[in-house]
N, C-alpha and C. Protein backbone atom coordinates (compact mmCIF):
# COMPACT_ATOMS: atom_id res chain seq x y z
N MET A 1 -10.96 -98.04 34.19
CA MET A 1 -10.04 -96.91 34.15
C MET A 1 -8.63 -97.35 33.75
N LYS A 2 -8.20 -98.52 34.26
CA LYS A 2 -6.89 -99.01 33.91
C LYS A 2 -6.79 -99.30 32.42
N LYS A 3 -7.88 -99.82 31.85
CA LYS A 3 -7.88 -100.11 30.41
C LYS A 3 -7.76 -98.81 29.61
N LEU A 4 -8.42 -97.78 30.06
CA LEU A 4 -8.36 -96.49 29.37
C LEU A 4 -6.95 -95.91 29.43
N ILE A 5 -6.33 -96.00 30.60
CA ILE A 5 -4.96 -95.50 30.76
C ILE A 5 -4.00 -96.33 29.90
N SER A 6 -4.18 -97.64 29.90
CA SER A 6 -3.33 -98.51 29.08
C SER A 6 -3.49 -98.20 27.60
N LEU A 7 -4.73 -97.97 27.17
CA LEU A 7 -4.99 -97.64 25.77
C LEU A 7 -4.32 -96.30 25.42
N PHE A 8 -4.41 -95.33 26.31
CA PHE A 8 -3.79 -94.03 26.09
C PHE A 8 -2.27 -94.17 25.97
N ILE A 9 -1.65 -94.92 26.87
CA ILE A 9 -0.20 -95.12 26.83
C ILE A 9 0.20 -95.86 25.55
N TYR A 10 -0.56 -96.87 25.16
CA TYR A 10 -0.27 -97.62 23.93
C TYR A 10 -0.37 -96.70 22.72
N THR A 11 -1.42 -95.90 22.67
CA THR A 11 -1.61 -94.98 21.55
C THR A 11 -0.48 -93.96 21.49
N LEU A 12 -0.12 -93.41 22.64
CA LEU A 12 0.95 -92.43 22.71
C LEU A 12 2.28 -93.04 22.24
N SER A 13 2.58 -94.26 22.66
CA SER A 13 3.82 -94.91 22.25
C SER A 13 3.80 -95.20 20.74
N PHE A 14 2.63 -95.54 20.20
CA PHE A 14 2.50 -95.79 18.77
C PHE A 14 2.77 -94.52 17.98
N ILE A 15 2.24 -93.41 18.46
CA ILE A 15 2.45 -92.12 17.81
C ILE A 15 3.93 -91.75 17.86
N GLN A 16 4.58 -91.96 19.00
CA GLN A 16 6.00 -91.66 19.14
C GLN A 16 6.84 -92.49 18.17
N ILE A 17 6.52 -93.77 18.04
CA ILE A 17 7.27 -94.66 17.17
C ILE A 17 7.12 -94.24 15.71
N ASN A 18 5.92 -93.84 15.32
CA ASN A 18 5.66 -93.50 13.94
C ASN A 18 5.90 -92.04 13.60
N ALA A 19 6.32 -91.24 14.57
CA ALA A 19 6.59 -89.83 14.31
C ALA A 19 7.79 -89.74 13.37
N GLN A 20 7.59 -89.06 12.28
CA GLN A 20 8.64 -88.93 11.28
C GLN A 20 9.35 -87.60 11.48
N GLU A 21 10.66 -87.62 11.35
CA GLU A 21 11.46 -86.41 11.50
C GLU A 21 12.44 -86.30 10.35
N ILE A 22 12.90 -85.10 10.12
CA ILE A 22 13.94 -84.90 9.12
C ILE A 22 15.22 -85.52 9.64
N GLU A 23 15.94 -86.17 8.75
CA GLU A 23 17.20 -86.82 9.11
C GLU A 23 18.35 -85.81 8.97
N TRP A 24 18.45 -84.92 9.97
CA TRP A 24 19.48 -83.89 9.94
C TRP A 24 20.85 -84.51 10.16
N VAL A 25 21.83 -84.04 9.42
CA VAL A 25 23.22 -84.46 9.58
C VAL A 25 24.08 -83.20 9.63
N SER A 26 25.32 -83.35 10.09
CA SER A 26 26.22 -82.20 10.11
C SER A 26 26.67 -81.90 8.67
N PHE A 27 27.25 -80.74 8.48
CA PHE A 27 27.75 -80.36 7.16
C PHE A 27 28.78 -81.38 6.69
N GLU A 28 29.70 -81.74 7.58
CA GLU A 28 30.74 -82.70 7.24
C GLU A 28 30.15 -84.06 6.86
N GLU A 29 29.13 -84.50 7.61
CA GLU A 29 28.48 -85.79 7.31
C GLU A 29 27.80 -85.75 5.94
N ALA A 30 27.14 -84.64 5.63
CA ALA A 30 26.46 -84.51 4.34
C ALA A 30 27.47 -84.62 3.19
N ILE A 31 28.61 -83.98 3.34
CA ILE A 31 29.64 -84.03 2.29
C ILE A 31 30.16 -85.46 2.15
N ALA A 32 30.40 -86.14 3.28
CA ALA A 32 30.89 -87.52 3.23
C ALA A 32 29.83 -88.46 2.64
N LEU A 33 28.58 -88.31 3.05
CA LEU A 33 27.50 -89.14 2.51
C LEU A 33 27.34 -88.90 1.01
N ASN A 34 27.49 -87.66 0.60
CA ASN A 34 27.35 -87.30 -0.80
C ASN A 34 28.43 -87.97 -1.66
N LYS A 35 29.60 -88.19 -1.09
CA LYS A 35 30.68 -88.87 -1.82
C LYS A 35 30.30 -90.34 -2.07
N GLU A 36 29.65 -90.97 -1.07
CA GLU A 36 29.24 -92.37 -1.18
C GLU A 36 28.01 -92.55 -2.06
N ASN A 37 27.03 -91.68 -1.85
CA ASN A 37 25.76 -91.76 -2.56
C ASN A 37 25.33 -90.34 -2.93
N PRO A 38 25.69 -89.87 -4.12
CA PRO A 38 25.41 -88.48 -4.50
C PRO A 38 23.92 -88.12 -4.42
N LYS A 39 23.68 -86.97 -3.83
CA LYS A 39 22.32 -86.49 -3.61
C LYS A 39 22.41 -84.98 -3.38
N ASN A 40 21.39 -84.24 -3.70
CA ASN A 40 21.38 -82.81 -3.41
C ASN A 40 21.45 -82.58 -1.91
N ILE A 41 21.89 -81.39 -1.52
CA ILE A 41 22.05 -81.05 -0.11
C ILE A 41 21.22 -79.80 0.18
N LEU A 42 20.46 -79.84 1.26
CA LEU A 42 19.69 -78.69 1.76
C LEU A 42 20.38 -78.23 3.04
N ILE A 43 20.70 -76.95 3.12
CA ILE A 43 21.35 -76.40 4.31
C ILE A 43 20.47 -75.31 4.91
N ASP A 44 19.97 -75.57 6.11
CA ASP A 44 19.19 -74.59 6.85
C ASP A 44 20.16 -73.74 7.66
N VAL A 45 20.40 -72.52 7.23
CA VAL A 45 21.31 -71.60 7.92
C VAL A 45 20.47 -70.80 8.90
N TYR A 46 20.81 -70.95 10.18
CA TYR A 46 20.00 -70.36 11.25
C TYR A 46 20.89 -69.76 12.33
N THR A 47 20.27 -69.13 13.32
CA THR A 47 20.96 -68.72 14.54
C THR A 47 20.06 -69.11 15.72
N ASP A 48 20.67 -69.22 16.88
CA ASP A 48 19.91 -69.60 18.08
C ASP A 48 18.90 -68.54 18.50
N TRP A 49 19.17 -67.28 18.22
CA TRP A 49 18.31 -66.19 18.67
C TRP A 49 17.19 -65.84 17.69
N CYS A 50 17.19 -66.45 16.52
CA CYS A 50 16.27 -66.08 15.45
C CYS A 50 14.87 -66.67 15.66
N GLY A 51 13.90 -65.80 15.87
CA GLY A 51 12.51 -66.24 16.08
C GLY A 51 11.91 -66.94 14.87
N TYR A 52 12.17 -66.40 13.68
CA TYR A 52 11.63 -67.02 12.48
C TYR A 52 12.30 -68.36 12.19
N CYS A 53 13.54 -68.54 12.63
CA CYS A 53 14.21 -69.85 12.48
C CYS A 53 13.47 -70.90 13.32
N LYS A 54 13.12 -70.52 14.54
CA LYS A 54 12.39 -71.43 15.42
C LYS A 54 10.99 -71.72 14.87
N LYS A 55 10.37 -70.68 14.32
CA LYS A 55 9.03 -70.84 13.73
C LYS A 55 9.09 -71.78 12.52
N MET A 56 10.14 -71.65 11.72
CA MET A 56 10.29 -72.53 10.56
C MET A 56 10.54 -73.97 11.00
N ASP A 57 11.33 -74.15 12.06
CA ASP A 57 11.54 -75.51 12.61
C ASP A 57 10.20 -76.13 13.00
N LYS A 58 9.37 -75.36 13.66
CA LYS A 58 8.09 -75.86 14.18
C LYS A 58 7.04 -76.04 13.07
N ASN A 59 6.88 -75.06 12.22
CA ASN A 59 5.79 -75.10 11.24
C ASN A 59 6.14 -75.78 9.93
N THR A 60 7.35 -75.60 9.47
CA THR A 60 7.72 -76.13 8.15
C THR A 60 8.42 -77.47 8.28
N TYR A 61 9.44 -77.53 9.11
CA TYR A 61 10.24 -78.76 9.21
C TYR A 61 9.56 -79.87 10.02
N GLU A 62 8.38 -79.61 10.54
CA GLU A 62 7.60 -80.67 11.19
C GLU A 62 6.41 -81.10 10.34
N ASN A 63 6.27 -80.54 9.15
CA ASN A 63 5.19 -80.90 8.24
C ASN A 63 5.53 -82.23 7.56
N LYS A 64 4.59 -83.18 7.56
CA LYS A 64 4.86 -84.53 7.04
C LYS A 64 5.26 -84.53 5.56
N VAL A 65 4.62 -83.72 4.74
CA VAL A 65 4.96 -83.67 3.31
C VAL A 65 6.37 -83.12 3.13
N ILE A 66 6.71 -82.07 3.87
CA ILE A 66 8.04 -81.46 3.79
C ILE A 66 9.10 -82.45 4.28
N ILE A 67 8.83 -83.12 5.38
CA ILE A 67 9.76 -84.12 5.92
C ILE A 67 10.05 -85.19 4.88
N THR A 68 9.01 -85.73 4.28
CA THR A 68 9.18 -86.79 3.28
C THR A 68 10.01 -86.30 2.10
N LEU A 69 9.68 -85.13 1.57
CA LEU A 69 10.41 -84.59 0.43
C LEU A 69 11.89 -84.38 0.76
N ILE A 70 12.17 -83.80 1.91
CA ILE A 70 13.56 -83.54 2.28
C ILE A 70 14.32 -84.85 2.47
N ASN A 71 13.74 -85.79 3.22
CA ASN A 71 14.43 -87.05 3.47
C ASN A 71 14.68 -87.85 2.19
N GLU A 72 13.76 -87.79 1.24
CA GLU A 72 13.91 -88.55 -0.01
C GLU A 72 14.89 -87.89 -0.97
N LYS A 73 14.91 -86.58 -1.04
CA LYS A 73 15.63 -85.91 -2.13
C LYS A 73 16.91 -85.19 -1.71
N PHE A 74 17.17 -85.04 -0.41
CA PHE A 74 18.30 -84.22 0.04
C PHE A 74 18.99 -84.85 1.25
N TYR A 75 20.25 -84.47 1.42
CA TYR A 75 20.89 -84.59 2.73
C TYR A 75 20.58 -83.27 3.40
N ALA A 76 20.03 -83.31 4.60
CA ALA A 76 19.59 -82.11 5.30
C ALA A 76 20.60 -81.72 6.38
N VAL A 77 21.00 -80.45 6.35
CA VAL A 77 22.00 -79.92 7.28
C VAL A 77 21.42 -78.71 7.99
N LYS A 78 21.62 -78.65 9.31
CA LYS A 78 21.33 -77.44 10.07
C LYS A 78 22.68 -76.81 10.37
N LEU A 79 22.86 -75.57 9.92
CA LEU A 79 24.14 -74.89 10.10
C LEU A 79 23.91 -73.60 10.87
N ASN A 80 24.43 -73.57 12.09
CA ASN A 80 24.35 -72.37 12.90
C ASN A 80 25.34 -71.35 12.34
N ALA A 81 24.84 -70.24 11.85
CA ALA A 81 25.68 -69.23 11.22
C ALA A 81 26.68 -68.60 12.19
N GLU A 82 26.44 -68.79 13.48
CA GLU A 82 27.33 -68.23 14.50
C GLU A 82 28.15 -69.31 15.19
N GLN A 83 28.25 -70.46 14.55
CA GLN A 83 29.00 -71.59 15.12
C GLN A 83 30.47 -71.23 15.25
N LYS A 84 31.05 -71.56 16.38
CA LYS A 84 32.44 -71.19 16.65
C LYS A 84 33.44 -72.23 16.13
N GLU A 85 32.97 -73.44 15.82
CA GLU A 85 33.87 -74.48 15.30
C GLU A 85 34.36 -74.10 13.91
N THR A 86 35.59 -74.50 13.61
CA THR A 86 36.15 -74.28 12.28
C THR A 86 35.75 -75.43 11.37
N PHE A 87 35.35 -75.10 10.16
CA PHE A 87 35.03 -76.10 9.15
C PHE A 87 36.20 -76.16 8.16
N THR A 88 36.49 -77.36 7.67
CA THR A 88 37.41 -77.50 6.56
C THR A 88 36.61 -78.10 5.42
N TYR A 89 36.60 -77.38 4.31
CA TYR A 89 35.80 -77.81 3.16
C TYR A 89 36.54 -77.46 1.88
N LYS A 90 36.72 -78.45 1.04
CA LYS A 90 37.45 -78.29 -0.23
C LYS A 90 38.81 -77.62 -0.02
N GLY A 91 39.49 -78.06 1.03
CA GLY A 91 40.84 -77.59 1.29
C GLY A 91 40.95 -76.22 1.95
N GLU A 92 39.83 -75.59 2.26
CA GLU A 92 39.85 -74.28 2.91
C GLU A 92 39.28 -74.37 4.32
N SER A 93 39.80 -73.56 5.21
CA SER A 93 39.29 -73.49 6.58
C SER A 93 38.34 -72.31 6.70
N TYR A 94 37.22 -72.56 7.37
CA TYR A 94 36.21 -71.53 7.61
C TYR A 94 36.06 -71.36 9.11
N LYS A 95 36.46 -70.20 9.60
CA LYS A 95 36.52 -69.95 11.04
C LYS A 95 35.41 -69.01 11.48
N PHE A 96 35.27 -68.94 12.79
CA PHE A 96 34.37 -67.98 13.41
C PHE A 96 35.04 -66.62 13.39
N ILE A 97 34.31 -65.61 12.96
CA ILE A 97 34.81 -64.23 12.95
C ILE A 97 34.06 -63.46 14.03
N ASP A 98 34.79 -63.01 15.02
CA ASP A 98 34.19 -62.25 16.13
C ASP A 98 34.08 -60.79 15.71
N GLN A 99 32.96 -60.50 15.08
CA GLN A 99 32.75 -59.15 14.54
C GLN A 99 31.30 -58.75 14.77
N GLY A 100 31.06 -57.51 15.04
CA GLY A 100 29.70 -57.06 15.29
C GLY A 100 29.20 -57.54 16.65
N ARG A 101 27.90 -57.63 16.78
CA ARG A 101 27.32 -58.01 18.08
C ARG A 101 27.53 -59.47 18.41
N ARG A 102 27.46 -60.36 17.39
CA ARG A 102 27.50 -61.79 17.67
C ARG A 102 28.58 -62.55 16.91
N GLY A 103 29.05 -62.03 15.83
CA GLY A 103 30.02 -62.73 15.02
C GLY A 103 29.34 -63.68 14.04
N TYR A 104 30.14 -64.36 13.23
CA TYR A 104 29.58 -65.28 12.23
C TYR A 104 30.66 -66.28 11.82
N ASN A 105 30.22 -67.40 11.26
CA ASN A 105 31.15 -68.38 10.74
C ASN A 105 31.35 -68.10 9.25
N GLU A 106 32.58 -68.18 8.81
CA GLU A 106 32.91 -67.88 7.41
C GLU A 106 32.20 -68.81 6.42
N LEU A 107 31.93 -70.05 6.82
CA LEU A 107 31.23 -70.97 5.92
C LEU A 107 29.81 -70.46 5.65
N ALA A 108 29.13 -70.00 6.68
CA ALA A 108 27.79 -69.43 6.50
C ALA A 108 27.86 -68.22 5.57
N ALA A 109 28.86 -67.37 5.78
CA ALA A 109 29.01 -66.18 4.93
C ALA A 109 29.27 -66.57 3.48
N LYS A 110 30.07 -67.61 3.28
CA LYS A 110 30.35 -68.05 1.90
C LYS A 110 29.08 -68.62 1.26
N LEU A 111 28.36 -69.47 1.98
CA LEU A 111 27.15 -70.08 1.44
C LEU A 111 26.09 -69.02 1.11
N LEU A 112 26.01 -67.99 1.94
CA LEU A 112 25.02 -66.93 1.75
C LEU A 112 25.57 -65.76 0.93
N GLN A 113 26.77 -65.91 0.44
CA GLN A 113 27.43 -64.89 -0.37
C GLN A 113 27.41 -63.53 0.34
N GLY A 114 27.67 -63.58 1.65
CA GLY A 114 27.76 -62.37 2.46
C GLY A 114 26.44 -61.75 2.86
N LYS A 115 25.33 -62.26 2.36
CA LYS A 115 24.02 -61.71 2.71
C LYS A 115 23.47 -62.50 3.89
N MET A 116 23.86 -62.09 5.09
CA MET A 116 23.56 -62.84 6.30
C MET A 116 22.13 -62.56 6.77
N SER A 117 21.21 -63.37 6.29
CA SER A 117 19.80 -63.26 6.60
C SER A 117 19.33 -64.61 7.15
N TYR A 118 18.59 -64.57 8.26
CA TYR A 118 18.17 -65.82 8.91
C TYR A 118 16.66 -65.87 9.09
N PRO A 119 16.09 -67.03 8.85
CA PRO A 119 16.72 -68.22 8.28
C PRO A 119 16.98 -68.03 6.79
N SER A 120 17.90 -68.80 6.29
CA SER A 120 18.13 -68.91 4.84
C SER A 120 18.31 -70.38 4.52
N THR A 121 17.84 -70.78 3.37
CA THR A 121 17.96 -72.17 2.95
C THR A 121 18.82 -72.21 1.70
N VAL A 122 19.90 -72.97 1.78
CA VAL A 122 20.84 -73.10 0.67
C VAL A 122 20.67 -74.49 0.08
N PHE A 123 20.60 -74.55 -1.24
CA PHE A 123 20.46 -75.82 -1.94
C PHE A 123 21.71 -76.05 -2.78
N MET A 124 22.33 -77.22 -2.59
CA MET A 124 23.50 -77.60 -3.38
C MET A 124 23.16 -78.84 -4.20
N ASP A 125 23.76 -78.93 -5.39
CA ASP A 125 23.55 -80.14 -6.19
C ASP A 125 24.51 -81.23 -5.72
N LYS A 126 24.44 -82.39 -6.35
CA LYS A 126 25.27 -83.53 -5.92
C LYS A 126 26.76 -83.28 -6.13
N ASP A 127 27.09 -82.27 -6.95
CA ASP A 127 28.49 -81.89 -7.15
C ASP A 127 28.92 -80.78 -6.19
N GLU A 128 28.06 -80.46 -5.24
CA GLU A 128 28.29 -79.47 -4.19
C GLU A 128 28.40 -78.04 -4.72
N ASN A 129 27.74 -77.78 -5.82
CA ASN A 129 27.61 -76.43 -6.34
C ASN A 129 26.30 -75.85 -5.82
N ILE A 130 26.30 -74.57 -5.47
CA ILE A 130 25.07 -73.96 -4.99
C ILE A 130 24.11 -73.79 -6.17
N ILE A 131 22.93 -74.38 -6.02
CA ILE A 131 21.88 -74.25 -7.02
C ILE A 131 21.14 -72.94 -6.78
N ASP A 132 20.79 -72.73 -5.50
CA ASP A 132 20.02 -71.55 -5.13
C ASP A 132 20.10 -71.34 -3.63
N LYS A 133 19.82 -70.15 -3.21
CA LYS A 133 19.68 -69.84 -1.78
C LYS A 133 18.42 -69.01 -1.63
N VAL A 134 17.63 -69.38 -0.64
CA VAL A 134 16.34 -68.71 -0.46
C VAL A 134 16.33 -68.11 0.95
N PRO A 135 16.37 -66.79 1.06
CA PRO A 135 16.35 -66.16 2.37
C PRO A 135 14.93 -66.10 2.93
N GLY A 136 14.86 -66.12 4.25
CA GLY A 136 13.59 -65.87 4.92
C GLY A 136 12.85 -67.11 5.35
N TYR A 137 11.80 -66.84 6.09
CA TYR A 137 10.91 -67.87 6.62
C TYR A 137 10.09 -68.46 5.48
N LEU A 138 10.14 -69.78 5.34
CA LEU A 138 9.40 -70.46 4.28
C LEU A 138 8.31 -71.32 4.91
N THR A 139 7.08 -71.03 4.60
CA THR A 139 5.96 -71.85 5.07
C THR A 139 5.95 -73.14 4.25
N PRO A 140 5.24 -74.17 4.71
CA PRO A 140 5.19 -75.41 3.94
C PRO A 140 4.71 -75.22 2.51
N ASP A 141 3.71 -74.34 2.30
CA ASP A 141 3.20 -74.14 0.93
C ASP A 141 4.19 -73.42 0.03
N ILE A 142 5.12 -72.67 0.60
CA ILE A 142 6.18 -72.05 -0.19
C ILE A 142 7.32 -73.05 -0.40
N MET A 143 7.65 -73.80 0.66
CA MET A 143 8.78 -74.74 0.62
C MET A 143 8.53 -75.93 -0.30
N GLU A 144 7.32 -76.46 -0.31
CA GLU A 144 7.04 -77.68 -1.06
C GLU A 144 7.41 -77.59 -2.54
N PRO A 145 6.93 -76.59 -3.29
CA PRO A 145 7.31 -76.54 -4.71
C PRO A 145 8.81 -76.34 -4.93
N ILE A 146 9.46 -75.62 -4.03
CA ILE A 146 10.91 -75.43 -4.14
C ILE A 146 11.62 -76.77 -4.02
N LEU A 147 11.20 -77.57 -3.03
CA LEU A 147 11.81 -78.88 -2.82
C LEU A 147 11.63 -79.80 -4.02
N VAL A 148 10.44 -79.77 -4.61
CA VAL A 148 10.18 -80.61 -5.79
C VAL A 148 10.98 -80.09 -6.98
N PHE A 149 10.96 -78.80 -7.22
CA PHE A 149 11.65 -78.19 -8.35
C PHE A 149 13.15 -78.50 -8.31
N LEU A 150 13.76 -78.32 -7.15
CA LEU A 150 15.19 -78.54 -7.02
C LEU A 150 15.53 -80.01 -6.78
N GLY A 151 14.73 -80.68 -5.97
CA GLY A 151 14.99 -82.09 -5.65
C GLY A 151 14.83 -83.01 -6.84
N ASP A 152 13.86 -82.72 -7.70
CA ASP A 152 13.65 -83.53 -8.91
C ASP A 152 14.43 -82.99 -10.10
N LYS A 153 15.27 -82.00 -9.86
CA LYS A 153 16.13 -81.40 -10.89
C LYS A 153 15.34 -80.83 -12.07
N LYS A 154 14.14 -80.36 -11.80
CA LYS A 154 13.31 -79.74 -12.84
C LYS A 154 13.96 -78.44 -13.35
N TYR A 155 14.74 -77.80 -12.49
CA TYR A 155 15.38 -76.53 -12.83
C TYR A 155 16.34 -76.66 -14.02
N ILE A 156 16.79 -77.86 -14.31
CA ILE A 156 17.74 -78.07 -15.40
C ILE A 156 17.09 -77.79 -16.76
N GLU A 157 15.83 -78.17 -16.90
CA GLU A 157 15.18 -78.06 -18.21
C GLU A 157 13.95 -77.16 -18.24
N GLN A 158 13.53 -76.66 -17.06
CA GLN A 158 12.26 -75.94 -17.04
C GLN A 158 12.38 -74.66 -16.21
N PRO A 159 11.89 -73.55 -16.73
CA PRO A 159 11.88 -72.32 -15.92
C PRO A 159 10.92 -72.45 -14.73
N TRP A 160 11.26 -71.78 -13.65
CA TRP A 160 10.45 -71.80 -12.43
C TRP A 160 9.00 -71.42 -12.70
N GLU A 161 8.79 -70.41 -13.51
CA GLU A 161 7.43 -69.92 -13.79
C GLU A 161 6.58 -71.02 -14.44
N ASP A 162 7.15 -71.77 -15.38
CA ASP A 162 6.42 -72.87 -16.04
C ASP A 162 6.14 -74.00 -15.05
N PHE A 163 7.14 -74.30 -14.22
CA PHE A 163 6.96 -75.35 -13.21
C PHE A 163 5.81 -74.99 -12.27
N GLN A 164 5.78 -73.75 -11.80
CA GLN A 164 4.75 -73.32 -10.86
C GLN A 164 3.34 -73.48 -11.44
N LYS A 165 3.18 -73.24 -12.72
CA LYS A 165 1.87 -73.35 -13.36
C LYS A 165 1.32 -74.77 -13.33
N GLU A 166 2.20 -75.76 -13.40
CA GLU A 166 1.75 -77.16 -13.45
C GLU A 166 1.90 -77.91 -12.13
N PHE A 167 2.50 -77.28 -11.13
CA PHE A 167 2.75 -77.95 -9.86
C PHE A 167 1.46 -78.28 -9.12
N LYS A 168 1.36 -79.50 -8.59
CA LYS A 168 0.21 -79.95 -7.80
C LYS A 168 0.70 -80.26 -6.38
N SER A 169 0.19 -79.52 -5.43
CA SER A 169 0.60 -79.68 -4.03
C SER A 169 0.03 -80.94 -3.41
N LYS A 170 0.79 -81.51 -2.46
CA LYS A 170 0.33 -82.65 -1.69
C LYS A 170 0.01 -82.24 -0.25
N LEU A 171 0.04 -80.96 0.01
CA LEU A 171 -0.25 -80.47 1.37
C LEU A 171 -1.74 -80.57 1.68
């Protein structure tokens, strides 16, 4: 029995050590890292109360293929759209606006161009220009081609429709 328990504990610790996670950084850290080593930026705009945000964290952001793609091709940021801290970005301050039932942070509003839908995923290029923003819950099979298309910069020379026809999933 002791050997069985020891084997179980060893296996559990091995799984914990090898568990891969997305390397989330703050918005400020992503901008600083991008200055040192330019890379696209993925921003998960969420709220604490959003059920689909939590579902996306569990189902999409814990998928091994998605984790690998995000960690290799992007700086990953989780941005609470209702965050009360002020951000300073490109010389402008983005504050919390206490409006409506919960309020919002101006940076989230700017990134989402005023269309406050959660979750939303914003993609920026290495020059910090918004490439695209995708509102709503994204399953791994929806997220994977988006990550490849934007992460590999296929969007520069190829229309999305053509890319989709030739895309091969690793899920």
